[in-house]
Protein backbone atom coordinates (compact mmCIF):
# COMPACT_ATOMS: atom_id res chain seq x y z
CA MET A 1 2.78 17.59 9.45
CA GLU A 2 0.92 19.35 6.64
CA ARG A 3 2.88 22.57 7.21
CA LEU A 4 6.17 20.66 6.93
CA VAL A 5 5.02 18.86 3.79
CA PHE A 6 4.05 22.03 1.94
CA ALA A 7 7.19 23.82 3.09
CA LEU A 8 9.04 21.43 0.78
CA GLU A 9 7.01 22.71 -2.19
CA PRO A 10 6.74 19.09 -3.35
CA ARG A 11 6.35 18.08 -6.95
CA VAL A 12 6.31 14.33 -6.24
CA SER A 13 4.85 12.62 -3.18
CA VAL A 14 4.96 8.88 -2.45
CA PHE A 15 2.70 6.99 -0.08
CA ASP A 16 2.61 3.54 1.43
CA CYS A 17 -1.01 2.44 1.84
CA ASP A 18 -1.83 -0.07 4.62
CA GLY A 19 -1.39 1.71 7.94
CA THR A 20 -0.51 4.99 6.18
CA LEU A 21 -3.56 6.01 4.14
CA TRP A 22 -5.94 3.70 5.99
CA GLY A 23 -5.92 1.53 9.07
CA GLY A 24 -5.31 -2.21 9.06
CA ASP A 25 -3.68 -4.63 6.66
CA ALA A 26 -5.75 -4.72 3.47
CA GLY A 27 -3.46 -7.34 1.96
CA TYR A 28 -4.07 -9.91 4.67
CA GLY A 29 -7.70 -8.84 4.99
CA PHE A 30 -8.34 -9.36 1.30
CA MET A 31 -6.64 -12.74 1.36
CA VAL A 32 -8.88 -13.98 4.16
CA TRP A 33 -12.00 -12.43 2.62
CA SER A 34 -11.27 -13.83 -0.86
CA ILE A 35 -10.79 -17.31 0.57
CA GLU A 36 -14.15 -17.00 2.33
CA GLN A 37 -15.69 -15.90 -0.98
CA GLY A 38 -14.40 -19.03 -2.72
CA LEU A 39 -11.94 -17.24 -5.04
CA VAL A 40 -9.12 -19.51 -3.92
CA SER A 41 -9.18 -23.34 -4.04
CA ARG A 42 -9.23 -25.32 -0.81
CA ALA A 43 -5.77 -26.73 -1.48
CA MET A 44 -4.33 -23.28 -2.15
CA SER A 45 -6.14 -21.88 0.88
CA ASP A 46 -4.61 -24.51 3.15
CA TRP A 47 -1.18 -23.89 1.65
CA ILE A 48 -1.21 -20.12 2.07
CA ASP A 49 -2.59 -20.46 5.60
CA THR A 50 0.37 -22.68 6.49
CA ARG A 51 2.77 -20.26 4.84
CA HIS A 52 1.28 -17.25 6.64
CA ARG A 53 1.55 -19.02 9.99
CA ALA A 54 5.20 -19.70 9.21
CA TYR A 55 5.64 -16.03 8.31
CA MET A 56 4.15 -14.97 11.64
CA ALA A 57 6.61 -17.31 13.34
CA GLY A 58 9.49 -15.65 11.52
CA LYS A 59 10.20 -18.62 9.25
CA VAL A 60 9.07 -17.01 5.97
CA SER A 61 10.31 -13.62 4.81
CA GLU A 62 8.19 -10.54 4.19
CA LEU A 63 9.21 -10.62 0.54
CA ALA A 64 8.20 -14.26 0.11
CA ILE A 65 4.81 -14.05 1.81
CA CYS A 66 3.77 -10.87 0.00
CA GLY A 67 4.58 -12.50 -3.32
CA GLU A 68 2.78 -15.71 -2.42
CA MET A 69 -0.31 -13.82 -1.23
CA THR A 70 -0.51 -12.44 -4.77
CA GLN A 71 0.37 -15.65 -6.60
CA ILE A 72 -2.55 -17.55 -5.03
CA TYR A 73 -4.89 -15.87 -7.54
CA ALA A 74 -3.15 -17.40 -10.55
CA GLY A 75 -5.73 -18.90 -12.88
CA LEU A 76 -8.38 -16.25 -12.17
CA ARG A 77 -9.50 -13.79 -14.78
CA GLU A 78 -8.11 -10.35 -14.06
CA ALA A 79 -11.59 -8.88 -14.41
CA GLU A 80 -12.81 -11.21 -11.67
CA LEU A 81 -10.04 -10.15 -9.30
CA ARG A 82 -10.66 -6.47 -10.06
CA SER A 83 -14.34 -6.89 -9.27
CA ALA A 84 -13.57 -8.72 -6.03
CA ALA A 85 -11.04 -6.08 -5.01
CA ALA A 86 -13.56 -3.30 -5.62
CA GLU A 87 -16.15 -5.07 -3.49
CA PHE A 88 -13.65 -5.67 -0.69
CA VAL A 89 -12.42 -2.08 -0.65
CA LYS A 90 -15.98 -0.76 -0.57
CA SER A 91 -16.96 -2.94 2.37
CA HIS A 92 -13.72 -3.19 4.36
CA VAL A 93 -11.30 -0.38 3.52
CA ARG A 94 -13.12 2.88 2.81
CA GLN A 95 -14.39 3.24 6.37
CA ARG A 96 -10.84 2.93 7.69
CA ILE A 97 -9.35 5.77 5.62
CA PHE A 98 -7.61 8.35 7.79
CA ALA A 99 -9.38 11.69 7.46
CA GLU A 100 -6.22 13.76 7.81
CA MET A 101 -4.38 11.74 5.18
CA ALA A 102 -7.29 11.93 2.75
CA ALA A 103 -7.38 15.70 3.17
CA LEU A 104 -3.62 15.99 2.70
CA VAL A 105 -3.66 13.90 -0.48
CA GLU A 106 -6.51 16.00 -1.84
CA ARG A 107 -4.61 19.24 -1.22
CA LEU A 108 -1.49 17.84 -2.85
CA ARG A 109 -3.50 16.72 -5.85
CA GLU A 110 -5.14 20.15 -6.16
CA ARG A 111 -1.66 21.71 -6.30
CA GLY A 112 -0.64 19.45 -9.15
CA VAL A 113 1.72 17.26 -7.14
CA ALA A 114 2.43 13.88 -8.78
CA LEU A 115 1.07 11.22 -6.42
CA TRP A 116 2.49 7.68 -6.26
CA THR A 117 1.77 4.71 -4.03
CA VAL A 118 4.11 1.84 -3.21
CA SER A 119 2.74 -1.23 -1.43
CA SER A 120 3.47 -4.91 -0.87
CA THR A 121 -0.28 -5.61 -0.98
CA ASN A 122 -1.54 -6.94 -4.31
CA LYS A 123 -1.93 -4.26 -6.95
CA TRP A 124 -5.61 -4.90 -7.64
CA VAL A 125 -6.61 -4.04 -4.06
CA ILE A 126 -4.36 -0.98 -3.96
CA VAL A 127 -5.66 0.35 -7.29
CA GLU A 128 -9.20 0.22 -5.92
CA GLY A 129 -8.16 1.61 -2.54
CA VAL A 130 -6.54 4.74 -3.98
CA ARG A 131 -9.01 5.33 -6.80
CA GLU A 132 -11.00 7.91 -4.86
CA PHE A 133 -7.82 9.68 -3.82
CA GLY A 134 -7.35 10.52 -7.48
CA ILE A 135 -4.23 8.37 -7.81
CA ALA A 136 -4.01 6.79 -11.25
CA GLU A 137 -3.37 3.08 -11.75
CA ASP A 138 -0.16 3.77 -13.65
CA ARG A 139 1.21 5.40 -10.49
CA VAL A 140 0.55 2.37 -8.31
CA LEU A 141 3.57 0.19 -7.58
CA ALA A 142 2.46 -2.93 -5.73
CA ALA A 143 2.74 -6.72 -5.60
CA GLU A 144 1.81 -7.91 -9.07
CA VAL A 145 1.79 -11.00 -11.25
CA ARG A 146 1.85 -11.11 -15.04
CA VAL A 147 -1.48 -11.20 -16.88
CA GLU A 148 -1.76 -13.13 -20.14
CA SER A 149 -4.90 -13.21 -22.28
CA GLY A 150 -6.85 -11.75 -19.37
CA MET A 151 -5.75 -14.47 -16.95
CA LEU A 152 -3.47 -14.09 -13.94
CA THR A 153 -0.31 -16.19 -14.05
CA PRO A 154 1.93 -17.14 -11.10
CA GLU A 155 4.83 -15.14 -12.58
CA LEU A 156 5.72 -12.28 -10.25
CA ILE A 157 6.46 -8.89 -11.80
CA ASP A 158 7.16 -6.96 -8.60
CA VAL A 159 6.89 -7.26 -4.81
CA PRO A 160 7.78 -3.85 -3.37
CA THR A 161 8.88 -4.24 0.23
CA ASP A 162 11.96 -3.13 2.18
CA GLU A 163 14.74 -2.25 -0.31
CA GLY A 164 12.38 -3.39 -3.05
CA LYS A 165 10.22 -0.30 -2.48
CA ALA A 166 13.16 1.94 -3.23
CA ALA A 167 14.09 -0.22 -6.22
CA SER A 168 10.55 0.02 -7.62
CA LEU A 169 10.66 3.81 -7.38
CA ARG A 170 14.01 3.96 -9.10
CA ARG A 171 12.71 1.79 -11.95
CA VAL A 172 10.12 4.46 -12.74
CA GLY A 173 12.70 7.23 -12.53
CA LEU A 174 11.99 8.49 -9.01
CA GLU A 175 15.43 8.73 -7.47
CA ARG A 176 14.62 11.52 -5.01
CA PRO A 177 10.90 12.06 -4.36
CA ASP A 178 10.09 15.19 -2.41
CA ALA A 179 7.83 13.78 0.31
CA VAL A 180 7.56 10.12 1.31
CA PHE A 181 5.05 8.64 3.77
CA GLY A 182 5.14 5.19 5.39
CA ASN A 183 4.24 3.40 8.60
CA SER A 184 6.52 0.39 9.02
CA ILE A 185 10.16 -0.62 9.00
CA HIS A 186 9.48 -2.12 5.56
CA ASP A 187 9.06 1.49 4.33
CA LEU A 188 12.40 2.68 5.70
CA ALA A 189 14.37 2.37 2.46
CA MET A 190 11.94 4.51 0.51
CA LEU A 191 11.54 7.01 3.37
CA GLU A 192 15.31 7.52 3.24
CA MET A 193 15.03 8.42 -0.45
CA GLY A 194 12.82 11.43 0.17
CA ARG A 195 13.82 15.05 0.65
CA GLY A 196 11.27 14.85 3.41
CA ALA A 197 10.39 11.64 5.31
CA PHE A 198 7.05 11.47 7.11
CA PRO A 199 6.40 8.38 9.27
CA VAL A 200 2.65 7.92 9.81
CA ASN A 201 1.45 5.64 12.61
CA PRO A 202 5.02 4.32 12.87
CA SER A 203 5.54 0.76 14.03
CA PRO A 204 7.88 0.38 17.03
CA ALA A 205 10.83 -0.48 14.78
CA LEU A 206 10.18 2.46 12.44
CA LEU A 207 9.75 4.78 15.42
CA VAL A 208 13.22 3.85 16.64
CA ALA A 209 14.67 4.39 13.16
CA ALA A 210 12.87 7.74 12.84
CA ARG A 211 14.27 8.97 16.14
CA GLU A 212 17.78 7.94 15.11
CA ARG A 213 17.40 10.00 11.92
CA GLY A 214 15.78 12.99 13.55
CA TRP A 215 12.44 12.51 11.84
CA GLY A 216 9.17 13.44 13.46
CA HIS A 217 6.05 11.32 13.13
CA PHE A 218 2.30 11.72 12.81
CA ARG A 219 -0.60 9.72 14.19
CA PRO A 220 -3.97 10.41 12.50
CA ALA A 221 -6.86 10.82 14.87
CA ALA A 222 -9.66 9.20 12.90
CA ALA A 223 -10.60 7.02 9.98
CA VAL A 224 -13.57 7.98 7.82
CA GLY A 225 -14.69 7.55 4.23
CA VAL A 226 -12.59 9.56 1.81
CA HIS A 227 -15.54 11.63 0.55
CA ALA A 228 -16.41 12.68 4.10
CA ALA A 229 -12.81 13.60 4.78
CA VAL A 230 -12.46 15.76 1.70
CA ALA A 231 -15.89 17.36 2.03
CA GLY A 232 -15.49 17.98 5.75
CA GLU A 233 -18.65 16.08 6.63
């Protein structure tokens, strides 16, 4: 995959995060963990649990549940959510980073490629997750609510999933990124935008779509901390 990526001589590369840069679903994981930590009220916890069960049963859309999993933190101070996200990423995400993807991102960054991430997980978790990849917060497009006077509100700003991922990229002026990486069918719209599309750990539905479009795919062999991956430890 790396040979094909650099053959494009990319100037802009875009990555999904959960399942692409690291294993697992950090969005759902953080929701469960934050409830256990007492960041979410009992009433809100019961409500989002019911909604997530309905989502798993196909009765709530991907767009709706990703927004709601971000809105449940309304009323918290942003600083509190940032701190919680940093703690969660340190204890539950870093060890699941894919070594090959960490090394690829590092080589792209060294070559001056503009790196962006697009995710339906809440922005605060993604910002912390990609911090050590050298990806700046202003290049993170993720599920986000408005912040007023340091407090999170329930007003959604963005929920990038499915066609929304492509729309989010277009809003920041990225009509045709050079290399795009994603793992699920919810990444298909943005993968189709790229000069080069690179499915990573593709879900069954994305694998079918990739084969129909003549795309290859890549399955990382291991997940390790990002420092170990870059340093070759």
